[in-house]
Structures are given as C-alpha cells and as structure tokens.
Amino acid sequence: MERTLKACWLPILSANPQIRRAFLVRASYEAPNDIHVVLALCSTGADDPRLVEALRVPYATIMGPDCPLDMMFAGSAQESEIEKVCPAFYAAV
C-alpha cells in the first residue's frame, strides 16, 4: 500500500518544482504511543494548499476518505532531523 501511494504521489511532486524532497516519517505528537505517519515536504516556496489537496486525493482513494493524512512543510532544521531517521522517497533532480 505504501509503495502504491508513493507511486501516485511521485508525478504530483515532480510537477511542483518548489518541492525538493519528500519523506514519510513516523511522528509522536503528545504521548510516545500516539504515533502518526506524516508526509513531510521540503520546499523552496511557501506552503501550497493546492499541492496539499492534490496529494490528499490519491491518499483518500487508497486509504479511504475517513483516514486522515498528516502533512507538513518542513523547514531546514526539521529536514535535517528527519533525514537522520529515514530516507526521502522523493528527491527533485
């Protein structure tokens, strides 16, 4: 399922030149056992609500419309922390 989702996202990400890298990372918000999967986008531009919606559509198709997807636009400090624990599944060429 994860591979299928990433494959759906790749053309969307590559069509947005401001996106440099993308990660799927596990994050804990409040309690250590409160784990969520987050789509972290590293961008050279501002947060883009249209891109968020474009990425949400295939996710909802695969996972169902009631399954939430957490997304974030990561700053350089966050990107440095993320890349310590997981590789990017998308990197602009």
N, C-alpha and C. Protein backbone atom coordinates (compact mmCIF):
# COMPACT_ATOMS: atom_id res chain seq x y z
N MET A 1 0.81 -1.19 0.00
CA MET A 1 0.00 0.00 0.00
C MET A 1 0.87 1.26 0.00
N GLU A 2 1.93 1.25 0.79
CA GLU A 2 2.83 2.41 0.87
C GLU A 2 3.49 2.66 -0.49
N ARG A 3 3.94 1.60 -1.15
CA ARG A 3 4.57 1.75 -2.47
C ARG A 3 3.58 2.32 -3.48
N THR A 4 2.36 1.84 -3.45
CA THR A 4 1.33 2.33 -4.37
C THR A 4 1.08 3.81 -4.14
N LEU A 5 0.97 4.20 -2.91
CA LEU A 5 0.73 5.59 -2.57
C LEU A 5 1.89 6.48 -3.02
N LYS A 6 3.10 6.06 -2.74
CA LYS A 6 4.28 6.84 -3.17
C LYS A 6 4.31 6.95 -4.69
N ALA A 7 3.98 5.87 -5.39
CA ALA A 7 3.96 5.90 -6.85
C ALA A 7 2.93 6.90 -7.37
N CYS A 8 1.81 7.02 -6.69
CA CYS A 8 0.79 8.01 -7.07
C CYS A 8 1.25 9.43 -6.79
N TRP A 9 2.02 9.61 -5.73
CA TRP A 9 2.48 10.94 -5.36
C TRP A 9 3.63 11.44 -6.22
N LEU A 10 4.47 10.55 -6.74
CA LEU A 10 5.66 10.97 -7.47
C LEU A 10 5.36 11.94 -8.62
N PRO A 11 4.38 11.66 -9.50
CA PRO A 11 4.12 12.63 -10.58
C PRO A 11 3.62 13.98 -10.07
N ILE A 12 2.88 13.97 -8.97
CA ILE A 12 2.38 15.23 -8.40
C ILE A 12 3.55 16.03 -7.85
N LEU A 13 4.44 15.37 -7.13
CA LEU A 13 5.60 16.05 -6.56
C LEU A 13 6.53 16.57 -7.65
N SER A 14 6.78 15.76 -8.67
CA SER A 14 7.70 16.18 -9.73
C SER A 14 7.12 17.32 -10.57
N ALA A 15 5.81 17.48 -10.58
CA ALA A 15 5.18 18.58 -11.31
C ALA A 15 5.22 19.89 -10.52
N ASN A 16 5.71 19.84 -9.30
CA ASN A 16 5.81 21.02 -8.44
C ASN A 16 7.28 21.32 -8.16
N PRO A 17 7.90 22.18 -8.97
CA PRO A 17 9.35 22.40 -8.85
C PRO A 17 9.82 22.97 -7.52
N GLN A 18 8.91 23.53 -6.74
CA GLN A 18 9.32 24.07 -5.44
C GLN A 18 9.57 22.95 -4.42
N ILE A 19 9.09 21.74 -4.70
CA ILE A 19 9.31 20.62 -3.77
C ILE A 19 10.66 19.99 -4.08
N ARG A 20 11.55 20.02 -3.09
CA ARG A 20 12.89 19.44 -3.25
C ARG A 20 12.94 17.98 -2.84
N ARG A 21 12.30 17.69 -1.70
CA ARG A 21 12.31 16.31 -1.18
C ARG A 21 11.02 16.05 -0.43
N ALA A 22 10.69 14.76 -0.32
CA ALA A 22 9.50 14.35 0.44
C ALA A 22 9.84 13.09 1.23
N PHE A 23 9.31 13.03 2.44
CA PHE A 23 9.55 11.92 3.35
C PHE A 23 8.22 11.42 3.90
N LEU A 24 8.14 10.14 4.18
CA LEU A 24 7.06 9.61 5.02
C LEU A 24 7.74 9.25 6.34
N VAL A 25 7.34 9.92 7.38
CA VAL A 25 8.03 9.76 8.66
C VAL A 25 7.01 9.50 9.77
N ARG A 26 7.41 8.69 10.72
CA ARG A 26 6.57 8.45 11.90
C ARG A 26 6.85 9.53 12.91
N ALA A 27 5.76 10.08 13.48
CA ALA A 27 5.91 11.16 14.46
C ALA A 27 5.01 10.90 15.65
N SER A 28 5.48 11.33 16.80
CA SER A 28 4.71 11.25 18.04
C SER A 28 4.38 12.68 18.44
N TYR A 29 3.10 12.96 18.62
CA TYR A 29 2.70 14.33 18.93
C TYR A 29 2.72 14.63 20.43
N GLU A 30 2.01 13.82 21.21
CA GLU A 30 1.93 14.13 22.64
C GLU A 30 2.45 12.97 23.48
N ALA A 31 1.88 11.82 23.30
CA ALA A 31 2.30 10.65 24.07
C ALA A 31 3.20 9.79 23.18
N PRO A 32 4.18 9.12 23.77
CA PRO A 32 5.08 8.29 22.97
C PRO A 32 4.37 7.21 22.16
N ASN A 33 3.22 6.75 22.63
CA ASN A 33 2.50 5.71 21.89
C ASN A 33 1.45 6.29 20.93
N ASP A 34 1.40 7.61 20.80
CA ASP A 34 0.49 8.30 19.89
C ASP A 34 1.24 8.58 18.58
N ILE A 35 1.44 7.53 17.78
CA ILE A 35 2.28 7.62 16.58
C ILE A 35 1.41 7.84 15.34
N HIS A 36 1.85 8.76 14.50
CA HIS A 36 1.18 9.08 13.25
C HIS A 36 2.21 9.03 12.13
N VAL A 37 1.75 8.73 10.93
CA VAL A 37 2.60 8.84 9.75
C VAL A 37 2.35 10.21 9.15
N VAL A 38 3.44 10.91 8.86
CA VAL A 38 3.37 12.28 8.37
C VAL A 38 4.08 12.36 7.03
N LEU A 39 3.45 13.01 6.07
CA LEU A 39 4.09 13.33 4.81
C LEU A 39 4.78 14.66 5.00
N ALA A 40 6.11 14.64 5.02
CA ALA A 40 6.90 15.86 5.21
C ALA A 40 7.43 16.32 3.87
N LEU A 41 7.12 17.55 3.52
CA LEU A 41 7.54 18.13 2.25
C LEU A 41 8.58 19.21 2.50
N CYS A 42 9.67 19.15 1.78
CA CYS A 42 10.73 20.15 1.87
C CYS A 42 10.65 21.00 0.62
N SER A 43 10.38 22.28 0.80
CA SER A 43 10.04 23.15 -0.31
C SER A 43 10.90 24.40 -0.31
N THR A 44 11.09 24.94 -1.50
CA THR A 44 11.79 26.23 -1.63
C THR A 44 10.80 27.38 -1.62
N GLY A 45 9.51 27.08 -1.63
CA GLY A 45 8.48 28.11 -1.66
C GLY A 45 7.62 28.07 -0.43
N ALA A 46 6.53 28.80 -0.49
CA ALA A 46 5.58 28.86 0.62
C ALA A 46 4.70 27.61 0.63
N ASP A 47 4.05 27.37 1.76
CA ASP A 47 3.09 26.27 1.86
C ASP A 47 2.06 26.43 0.74
N ASP A 48 1.69 25.33 0.12
CA ASP A 48 0.81 25.38 -1.04
C ASP A 48 -0.43 24.53 -0.80
N PRO A 49 -1.58 25.15 -0.47
CA PRO A 49 -2.80 24.39 -0.20
C PRO A 49 -3.26 23.56 -1.41
N ARG A 50 -2.99 24.03 -2.63
CA ARG A 50 -3.38 23.25 -3.82
C ARG A 50 -2.58 21.96 -3.91
N LEU A 51 -1.32 22.02 -3.55
CA LEU A 51 -0.48 20.82 -3.55
C LEU A 51 -0.97 19.85 -2.48
N VAL A 52 -1.30 20.36 -1.32
CA VAL A 52 -1.82 19.52 -0.24
C VAL A 52 -3.06 18.77 -0.71
N GLU A 53 -3.96 19.47 -1.36
CA GLU A 53 -5.18 18.84 -1.86
C GLU A 53 -4.87 17.81 -2.95
N ALA A 54 -3.94 18.14 -3.84
CA ALA A 54 -3.57 17.21 -4.90
C ALA A 54 -2.99 15.92 -4.33
N LEU A 55 -2.23 16.01 -3.25
CA LEU A 55 -1.65 14.83 -2.61
C LEU A 55 -2.69 14.06 -1.79
N ARG A 56 -3.67 14.76 -1.27
CA ARG A 56 -4.70 14.13 -0.46
C ARG A 56 -5.62 13.23 -1.30
N VAL A 57 -5.87 13.62 -2.55
CA VAL A 57 -6.81 12.88 -3.39
C VAL A 57 -6.41 11.41 -3.58
N PRO A 58 -5.19 11.10 -4.04
CA PRO A 58 -4.85 9.68 -4.17
C PRO A 58 -4.80 8.97 -2.82
N TYR A 59 -4.40 9.68 -1.77
CA TYR A 59 -4.38 9.08 -0.44
C TYR A 59 -5.79 8.64 -0.03
N ALA A 60 -6.77 9.53 -0.22
CA ALA A 60 -8.15 9.21 0.14
C ALA A 60 -8.69 8.07 -0.70
N THR A 61 -8.28 8.00 -1.95
CA THR A 61 -8.72 6.92 -2.83
C THR A 61 -8.20 5.57 -2.34
N ILE A 62 -6.95 5.55 -1.91
CA ILE A 62 -6.32 4.30 -1.48
C ILE A 62 -6.70 3.94 -0.04
N MET A 63 -6.65 4.92 0.85
CA MET A 63 -6.84 4.66 2.27
C MET A 63 -8.29 4.85 2.74
N GLY A 64 -9.08 5.54 1.95
CA GLY A 64 -10.45 5.83 2.33
C GLY A 64 -10.58 7.29 2.76
N PRO A 65 -11.73 7.89 2.52
CA PRO A 65 -11.90 9.31 2.81
C PRO A 65 -11.90 9.66 4.29
N ASP A 66 -12.10 8.69 5.15
CA ASP A 66 -12.14 8.97 6.59
C ASP A 66 -10.80 8.74 7.29
N CYS A 67 -9.78 8.37 6.52
CA CYS A 67 -8.45 8.13 7.10
C CYS A 67 -7.62 9.40 6.93
N PRO A 68 -7.31 10.08 8.03
CA PRO A 68 -6.61 11.36 7.90
C PRO A 68 -5.15 11.18 7.49
N LEU A 69 -4.65 12.16 6.79
CA LEU A 69 -3.24 12.22 6.40
C LEU A 69 -2.65 13.48 7.00
N ASP A 70 -1.63 13.32 7.81
CA ASP A 70 -0.93 14.47 8.36
C ASP A 70 0.16 14.87 7.37
N MET A 71 0.21 16.16 7.04
CA MET A 71 1.23 16.70 6.15
C MET A 71 1.87 17.90 6.81
N MET A 72 3.14 18.12 6.47
CA MET A 72 3.82 19.30 6.97
C MET A 72 4.82 19.78 5.94
N PHE A 73 5.03 21.07 5.91
CA PHE A 73 6.11 21.65 5.13
C PHE A 73 7.26 21.84 6.11
N ALA A 74 8.32 21.08 5.90
CA ALA A 74 9.44 21.06 6.84
C ALA A 74 10.45 22.15 6.51
N GLY A 75 10.88 22.85 7.54
CA GLY A 75 11.95 23.82 7.40
C GLY A 75 13.29 23.10 7.35
N SER A 76 14.37 23.82 7.16
CA SER A 76 15.69 23.19 7.02
C SER A 76 16.11 22.45 8.29
N ALA A 77 15.81 22.99 9.46
CA ALA A 77 16.17 22.31 10.71
C ALA A 77 15.38 21.01 10.85
N GLN A 78 14.09 21.05 10.53
CA GLN A 78 13.27 19.84 10.60
C GLN A 78 13.74 18.81 9.57
N GLU A 79 14.07 19.29 8.38
CA GLU A 79 14.56 18.38 7.35
C GLU A 79 15.83 17.66 7.80
N SER A 80 16.73 18.37 8.45
CA SER A 80 17.96 17.76 8.96
C SER A 80 17.66 16.67 9.98
N GLU A 81 16.67 16.91 10.84
CA GLU A 81 16.29 15.91 11.84
C GLU A 81 15.62 14.70 11.18
N ILE A 82 14.77 14.95 10.22
CA ILE A 82 14.06 13.86 9.54
C ILE A 82 15.04 12.97 8.79
N GLU A 83 15.98 13.56 8.08
CA GLU A 83 16.89 12.75 7.27
C GLU A 83 17.84 11.89 8.12
N LYS A 84 17.90 12.16 9.40
CA LYS A 84 18.68 11.31 10.30
C LYS A 84 17.99 9.97 10.55
N VAL A 85 16.65 9.94 10.40
CA VAL A 85 15.91 8.73 10.75
C VAL A 85 15.26 8.02 9.56
N CYS A 86 15.15 8.68 8.43
CA CYS A 86 14.57 8.00 7.27
C CYS A 86 15.02 8.65 5.97
N PRO A 87 15.06 7.88 4.91
CA PRO A 87 15.45 8.45 3.61
C PRO A 87 14.25 9.12 2.93
N ALA A 88 14.53 10.06 2.07
CA ALA A 88 13.48 10.68 1.26
C ALA A 88 13.00 9.66 0.24
N PHE A 89 11.69 9.63 0.00
CA PHE A 89 11.19 8.76 -1.06
C PHE A 89 11.09 9.53 -2.38
N TYR A 90 11.22 10.86 -2.30
CA TYR A 90 11.23 11.70 -3.49
C TYR A 90 12.33 12.73 -3.33
N ALA A 91 13.12 12.91 -4.37
CA ALA A 91 14.12 13.98 -4.41
C ALA A 91 14.12 14.56 -5.82
N ALA A 92 13.98 15.86 -5.91
CA ALA A 92 13.97 16.52 -7.22
C ALA A 92 15.33 16.34 -7.89
N VAL A 93 15.28 16.23 -9.19
CA VAL A 93 16.54 16.07 -9.95
C VAL A 93 16.98 17.37 -10.54
